[in-house]
Amino acid sequence: MPGVEAERQRSWNTAAVRPAEQFSYYREAICQAFMNLTPEPARGTGFTAEVQHVSLGSGAINRVTFPEHIVRRSRTDIAASDQRCFYLNLKLAGRCTIQQDEHEVSLSAGQVGIFDSDRTFVLQHDRGPSLGVISFRVPATALFGRLPAVQDIVPTRLSDDPCLGALIVETARSLNANALRLSADDATALFDVLLDLVALSVSRSGEAHATASFADATTLALRRAIHERLREPGLTVATIASVVGISERYVHKLLARAGTSFSEIVMARRLDGVARDLRDPACADRDIGRIAFDWGFSDLSHFTRRFKQRFGQRPRDWRAQSNSG
């Protein structure tokens, strides 16, 4: 479905731009694909680079190839941005050194690291005439919602995790390779799996002990069980507790520890699912009520009210805005 794929991806290539203007074009491209950034001009007039952006629900994949240079995130850049996120980078070629606060992490080909967009940083891309990176944009709310508690996340090389590092790398590679081959829903579901692994690794990297690790792993299992059964009408805590093999009381305790609740997770993910379908051209002819029912809602007035609370628009206006774009 080339039309659907075109809506999910954008690309920029400096090859079609005059050499004297290539770096400026690249700077504008990464600011659109990522966020406000301040790359430092490379030596000379030419700058051969390509940027590809693929949407993943509320996140994205950015694939970038470029020569050696430095990228900075300044306080001015941060002030001009309206959303906090984390960047999960899989280095493809060359080396990248991430400097943020007093921390410094280097990534070589095949390694994965994470860092925060809400604090100034310097990225030094070097060691090779042609460098490459796959960078996943992770909304801060999506990551914090998976952690036992909101915590300070410093630049970390997640691929070093002895238990989860290889899984994170392979999941990131698989998602990058198949993002446009999968349906939008399936690609977003695989992105959710990647975020679950990242969250578990981040939660283990502090002073976690065995009890905390077990609780984190069980919370991860809970979230997956909920995700797999979102479309079931009347989904209950008892059902999820039975699937995971724990008590209903422990379900509530684990989710409260993560700063959320069963009903909040189910409602948010169902609404996100409906929102994606309403803007999916493949669902353009489907009735809004039918879509809502397919995502497990049983009361249309309640659905409409909660949708407007979450997205600031009625479902039909949300769909119309997409069609007008």
Protein backbone atom coordinates (compact mmCIF):
# COMPACT_ATOMS: atom_id res chain seq x y z
CA MET A 1 0.00 0.00 0.00
CA PRO A 2 2.34 2.78 -1.23
CA GLY A 3 -0.11 5.55 -0.34
CA VAL A 4 -0.27 4.47 3.31
CA GLU A 5 3.51 4.07 3.48
CA ALA A 6 4.00 7.58 2.09
CA GLU A 7 1.90 9.00 4.91
CA ARG A 8 4.01 7.18 7.50
CA GLN A 9 7.40 8.29 6.21
CA ARG A 10 9.26 11.39 5.06
CA SER A 11 12.75 11.71 3.65
CA TRP A 12 15.36 14.34 2.88
CA ASN A 13 18.53 13.95 0.79
CA THR A 14 21.17 16.63 0.29
CA ALA A 15 22.17 15.10 -3.07
CA ALA A 16 19.51 17.23 -4.77
CA VAL A 17 20.80 20.45 -3.17
CA ARG A 18 23.69 22.69 -4.24
CA PRO A 19 26.85 21.93 -2.22
CA ALA A 20 26.93 25.38 -0.61
CA GLU A 21 23.38 24.82 0.74
CA GLN A 22 23.63 21.15 1.74
CA PHE A 23 24.46 21.67 5.41
CA SER A 24 21.64 24.18 5.89
CA TYR A 25 19.25 21.72 4.25
CA TYR A 26 20.51 18.94 6.54
CA ARG A 27 20.07 21.16 9.62
CA GLU A 28 16.46 21.90 8.66
CA ALA A 29 15.80 18.21 7.98
CA ILE A 30 16.99 16.97 11.36
CA CYS A 31 15.09 19.72 13.16
CA GLN A 32 11.91 18.52 11.44
CA ALA A 33 12.61 14.82 11.96
CA PHE A 34 13.93 15.07 15.53
CA MET A 35 13.50 18.37 17.38
CA ASN A 36 15.27 21.73 17.57
CA LEU A 37 18.99 20.97 17.30
CA THR A 38 22.13 22.95 16.53
CA PRO A 39 24.54 21.03 14.31
CA GLU A 40 27.95 22.56 13.76
CA PRO A 41 28.89 23.13 10.11
CA ALA A 42 31.36 20.67 8.70
CA ARG A 43 34.54 21.78 6.95
CA GLY A 44 34.17 22.62 3.28
CA THR A 45 31.01 23.27 1.31
CA GLY A 46 29.66 19.79 0.62
CA PHE A 47 27.70 17.70 3.13
CA THR A 48 26.31 14.41 1.81
CA ALA A 49 23.52 13.27 4.11
CA GLU A 50 20.16 11.51 4.07
CA VAL A 51 17.37 11.56 6.67
CA GLN A 52 14.39 9.19 6.75
CA HIS A 53 11.55 9.60 9.24
CA VAL A 54 8.99 6.85 9.94
CA SER A 55 6.08 7.41 12.33
CA LEU A 56 5.43 4.84 15.08
CA GLY A 57 2.29 5.87 16.91
CA SER A 58 3.38 8.72 19.17
CA GLY A 59 7.04 7.86 18.52
CA ALA A 60 9.20 7.58 15.42
CA ILE A 61 12.24 6.06 13.76
CA ASN A 62 14.81 8.43 12.29
CA ARG A 63 17.44 6.88 10.02
CA VAL A 64 20.35 9.20 9.27
CA THR A 65 23.56 8.87 7.26
CA PHE A 66 26.10 11.70 7.26
CA PRO A 67 29.83 12.58 7.42
CA GLU A 68 31.67 13.49 10.64
CA HIS A 69 30.23 16.46 12.54
CA ILE A 70 28.90 17.64 15.93
CA VAL A 71 25.27 18.15 17.00
CA ARG A 72 24.35 20.19 20.06
CA ARG A 73 21.10 20.57 21.99
CA SER A 74 21.15 24.03 23.61
CA ARG A 75 18.97 25.59 26.28
CA THR A 76 17.39 27.70 23.55
CA ASP A 77 16.60 24.55 21.58
CA ILE A 78 14.99 22.98 24.65
CA ALA A 79 12.91 26.08 25.40
CA ALA A 80 11.56 26.06 21.84
CA SER A 81 10.40 22.42 22.07
CA ASP A 82 6.94 21.51 23.30
CA GLN A 83 7.45 17.83 24.13
CA ARG A 84 10.00 15.94 26.17
CA CYS A 85 11.31 12.71 24.74
CA PHE A 86 14.20 10.27 24.96
CA TYR A 87 16.32 9.15 22.05
CA LEU A 88 17.23 5.51 21.71
CA ASN A 89 20.12 5.32 19.25
CA LEU A 90 21.37 2.22 17.45
CA LYS A 91 24.70 3.06 15.88
CA LEU A 92 25.17 1.61 12.39
CA ALA A 93 28.60 2.90 11.34
CA GLY A 94 31.31 5.02 12.91
CA ARG A 95 31.27 6.20 16.51
CA CYS A 96 29.05 8.60 18.47
CA THR A 97 30.01 10.10 21.81
CA ILE A 98 27.07 11.38 23.88
CA GLN A 99 27.93 14.06 26.45
CA GLN A 100 25.16 15.11 28.84
CA ASP A 101 25.68 16.73 32.24
CA GLU A 102 28.70 14.98 33.74
CA HIS A 103 28.06 11.76 31.82
CA GLU A 104 29.74 10.55 28.64
CA VAL A 105 28.82 7.43 26.67
CA SER A 106 30.32 6.19 23.40
CA LEU A 107 28.43 4.06 20.87
CA SER A 108 30.11 1.98 18.19
CA ALA A 109 28.42 0.01 15.42
CA GLY A 110 25.83 -2.40 16.84
CA GLN A 111 25.52 -0.67 20.23
CA VAL A 112 22.39 1.02 21.63
CA GLY A 113 22.25 3.99 23.98
CA ILE A 114 19.58 6.27 25.44
CA PHE A 115 19.65 9.96 26.39
CA ASP A 116 17.24 12.76 27.33
CA SER A 117 16.03 15.60 25.06
CA ASP A 118 15.17 17.75 28.07
CA ARG A 119 18.79 18.42 29.03
CA THR A 120 21.56 19.94 26.94
CA PHE A 121 23.81 17.48 25.15
CA VAL A 122 26.61 17.22 22.61
CA LEU A 123 26.79 14.40 20.04
CA GLN A 124 30.20 13.88 18.46
CA HIS A 125 29.86 11.75 15.31
CA ASP A 126 33.27 10.57 14.09
CA ARG A 127 35.49 7.71 12.89
CA GLY A 128 34.53 7.31 9.29
CA PRO A 129 33.78 9.19 6.07
CA SER A 130 30.18 7.94 6.12
CA LEU A 131 28.41 7.43 9.44
CA GLY A 132 24.95 6.09 10.24
CA VAL A 133 22.49 5.86 13.09
CA ILE A 134 18.94 4.62 13.72
CA SER A 135 17.37 6.87 16.32
CA PHE A 136 14.04 6.02 17.94
CA ARG A 137 12.11 8.97 19.37
CA VAL A 138 10.53 7.79 22.63
CA PRO A 139 7.91 10.09 24.23
CA ALA A 140 8.85 10.63 27.87
CA THR A 141 5.32 9.74 28.98
CA ALA A 142 5.58 6.38 27.20
CA LEU A 143 8.82 5.50 28.99
CA PHE A 144 7.90 6.84 32.44
CA GLY A 145 4.56 5.04 32.23
CA ARG A 146 6.49 1.77 32.07
CA LEU A 147 8.83 2.45 34.99
CA PRO A 148 8.11 1.58 38.64
CA ALA A 149 8.56 5.27 39.44
CA VAL A 150 9.68 8.37 37.54
CA GLN A 151 13.46 8.43 37.76
CA ASP A 152 16.41 10.36 36.44
CA ILE A 153 17.64 8.65 33.28
CA VAL A 154 21.24 9.43 32.43
CA PRO A 155 22.92 8.56 29.13
CA THR A 156 23.32 4.78 29.20
CA ARG A 157 24.62 2.13 26.81
CA LEU A 158 21.72 -0.32 27.08
CA SER A 159 23.39 -2.89 24.84
CA ASP A 160 25.77 -3.59 27.75
CA ASP A 161 22.92 -5.02 29.86
CA PRO A 162 23.95 -8.67 30.33
CA CYS A 163 20.34 -9.90 30.39
CA LEU A 164 18.48 -7.58 28.04
CA GLY A 165 21.11 -5.86 25.88
CA ALA A 166 21.04 -8.37 23.01
CA LEU A 167 17.21 -8.42 23.02
CA ILE A 168 17.07 -4.62 22.83
CA VAL A 169 19.52 -4.54 19.91
CA GLU A 170 17.72 -7.26 17.95
CA THR A 171 14.27 -5.77 18.59
CA ALA A 172 15.52 -2.36 17.46
CA ARG A 173 17.01 -3.89 14.30
CA SER A 174 13.84 -5.85 13.55
CA LEU A 175 11.60 -2.82 14.05
CA ASN A 176 13.80 -0.70 11.80
CA ALA A 177 13.82 -3.35 9.06
CA ASN A 178 10.09 -4.07 9.17
CA ALA A 179 8.43 -0.82 10.24
CA LEU A 180 6.89 -0.19 6.82
CA ARG A 181 6.26 -3.85 6.01
CA LEU A 182 4.05 -4.17 9.08
CA SER A 183 0.69 -2.48 9.47
CA ALA A 184 0.74 0.72 11.53
CA ASP A 185 -0.83 -1.15 14.47
CA ASP A 186 1.67 -4.02 14.32
CA ALA A 187 4.64 -1.66 14.00
CA THR A 188 3.38 0.28 17.03
CA ALA A 189 2.91 -2.97 18.96
CA LEU A 190 6.53 -3.96 18.20
CA PHE A 191 7.63 -0.49 19.30
CA ASP A 192 5.76 -1.12 22.57
CA VAL A 193 7.75 -4.34 23.03
CA LEU A 194 11.00 -2.40 22.50
CA LEU A 195 9.92 0.20 25.07
CA ASP A 196 9.02 -2.56 27.56
CA LEU A 197 12.54 -3.98 27.22
CA VAL A 198 14.15 -0.54 27.53
CA ALA A 199 12.09 0.29 30.62
CA LEU A 200 13.00 -2.99 32.27
CA SER A 201 16.70 -2.42 31.52
CA VAL A 202 16.58 1.16 32.82
CA SER A 203 14.83 0.06 36.01
CA ARG A 204 17.50 -2.62 36.55
CA SER A 205 20.42 -0.27 35.98
CA GLY A 206 20.06 1.59 39.26
CA GLU A 207 20.25 0.03 42.69
CA ALA A 208 17.62 -2.57 41.85
CA HIS A 209 17.59 -5.70 43.92
CA ALA A 210 15.95 -9.07 43.31
CA THR A 211 12.54 -8.10 44.66
CA ALA A 212 12.39 -4.95 42.56
CA SER A 213 13.51 -6.85 39.45
CA PHE A 214 10.77 -9.44 39.98
CA ALA A 215 8.20 -6.69 40.43
CA ASP A 216 9.41 -4.94 37.26
CA ALA A 217 9.29 -8.17 35.26
CA THR A 218 5.78 -8.90 36.55
CA THR A 219 4.65 -5.37 35.68
CA LEU A 220 6.00 -5.90 32.18
CA ALA A 221 4.02 -9.16 31.92
CA LEU A 222 0.92 -7.30 33.13
CA ARG A 223 1.23 -4.63 30.47
CA ARG A 224 1.71 -7.21 27.74
CA ALA A 225 -1.31 -9.21 28.91
CA ILE A 226 -3.43 -6.05 28.86
CA HIS A 227 -2.16 -5.06 25.41
CA GLU A 228 -2.96 -8.49 23.97
CA ARG A 229 -6.55 -8.35 25.28
CA LEU A 230 -7.41 -4.68 24.74
CA ARG A 231 -10.13 -5.46 22.23
CA GLU A 232 -12.00 -7.80 24.59
CA PRO A 233 -15.23 -6.12 25.83
CA GLY A 234 -15.53 -6.12 29.60
CA LEU A 235 -11.83 -6.83 30.20
CA THR A 236 -11.33 -7.15 33.98
CA VAL A 237 -8.52 -7.14 36.51
CA ALA A 238 -9.51 -10.71 37.40
CA THR A 239 -8.85 -11.86 33.82
CA ILE A 240 -5.41 -10.25 33.70
CA ALA A 241 -4.49 -11.51 37.16
CA SER A 242 -5.41 -15.04 36.12
CA VAL A 243 -3.35 -14.79 32.90
CA VAL A 244 -0.24 -13.53 34.72
CA GLY A 245 -0.74 -15.86 37.68
CA ILE A 246 -0.97 -13.30 40.48
CA SER A 247 -3.73 -11.95 42.71
CA GLU A 248 -5.97 -9.04 41.78
CA ARG A 249 -4.64 -7.16 44.79
CA TYR A 250 -1.07 -7.53 43.50
CA VAL A 251 -2.13 -6.24 40.07
CA HIS A 252 -3.43 -3.04 41.71
CA LYS A 253 -0.30 -2.76 43.85
CA LEU A 254 2.11 -3.10 40.93
CA LEU A 255 0.27 -0.60 38.75
CA ALA A 256 -0.04 1.88 41.63
CA ARG A 257 3.71 1.52 42.13
CA ALA A 258 4.12 2.53 38.48
CA GLY A 259 1.88 5.57 39.04
CA THR A 260 -1.12 4.30 37.12
CA SER A 261 -4.09 1.94 37.37
CA PHE A 262 -5.69 -0.86 35.40
CA SER A 263 -8.55 1.32 34.18
CA GLU A 264 -6.20 4.15 33.17
CA ILE A 265 -3.98 1.86 31.09
CA VAL A 266 -6.91 0.15 29.36
CA MET A 267 -8.65 3.44 28.61
CA ALA A 268 -5.52 5.19 27.31
CA ARG A 269 -4.45 2.33 25.04
CA ARG A 270 -7.95 1.78 23.68
CA LEU A 271 -8.32 5.49 22.89
CA ASP A 272 -4.91 5.52 21.22
CA GLY A 273 -5.97 2.54 19.12
CA VAL A 274 -9.18 4.22 18.00
CA ALA A 275 -7.30 7.44 17.23
CA ARG A 276 -4.85 5.57 14.98
CA ASP A 277 -7.66 3.79 13.14
CA LEU A 278 -9.57 7.03 12.58
CA ARG A 279 -6.55 8.46 10.75
CA ASP A 280 -5.74 5.27 8.88
CA PRO A 281 -6.82 5.54 5.21
CA ALA A 282 -7.56 1.81 5.27
CA CYS A 283 -10.32 2.51 7.85
CA ALA A 284 -11.78 5.57 6.12
CA ASP A 285 -15.04 3.80 5.23
CA ARG A 286 -15.58 2.22 8.63
CA ASP A 287 -18.18 3.62 11.02
CA ILE A 288 -16.72 5.37 14.07
CA GLY A 289 -18.96 3.40 16.40
CA ARG A 290 -17.83 0.13 14.84
CA ILE A 291 -14.20 1.09 15.36
CA ALA A 292 -14.89 1.97 19.00
CA PHE A 293 -16.68 -1.34 19.59
CA ASP A 294 -13.78 -3.22 17.98
CA TRP A 295 -11.46 -1.63 20.55
CA GLY A 296 -13.58 -2.87 23.45
CA PHE A 297 -15.85 0.11 24.12
CA SER A 298 -19.49 -0.70 24.83
CA ASP A 299 -20.94 2.77 25.52
CA LEU A 300 -20.56 5.25 22.64
CA SER A 301 -21.43 8.34 24.66
CA HIS A 302 -18.85 7.42 27.29
CA PHE A 303 -16.31 6.70 24.53
CA THR A 304 -16.93 10.06 22.83
CA ARG A 305 -16.60 11.95 26.11
CA ARG A 306 -13.31 10.23 27.04
CA PHE A 307 -11.92 10.65 23.50
CA LYS A 308 -12.51 14.40 23.63
CA GLN A 309 -10.90 14.60 27.07
CA ARG A 310 -7.76 12.87 25.77
CA PHE A 311 -7.40 14.46 22.33
CA GLY A 312 -9.31 17.74 22.65
CA GLN A 313 -11.61 16.84 19.75
CA ARG A 314 -14.64 14.69 19.04
CA PRO A 315 -13.86 11.51 17.11
CA ARG A 316 -15.46 12.74 13.89
CA ASP A 317 -13.50 16.02 14.06
CA TRP A 318 -10.29 14.06 14.68
CA ARG A 319 -10.97 11.99 11.55
CA ALA A 320 -11.99 15.03 9.49
CA GLN A 321 -8.80 16.89 10.39
CA SER A 322 -6.75 13.98 9.06
CA ASN A 323 -8.76 13.83 5.83
CA SER A 324 -8.42 17.59 5.27
CA GLY A 325 -4.64 17.30 5.69
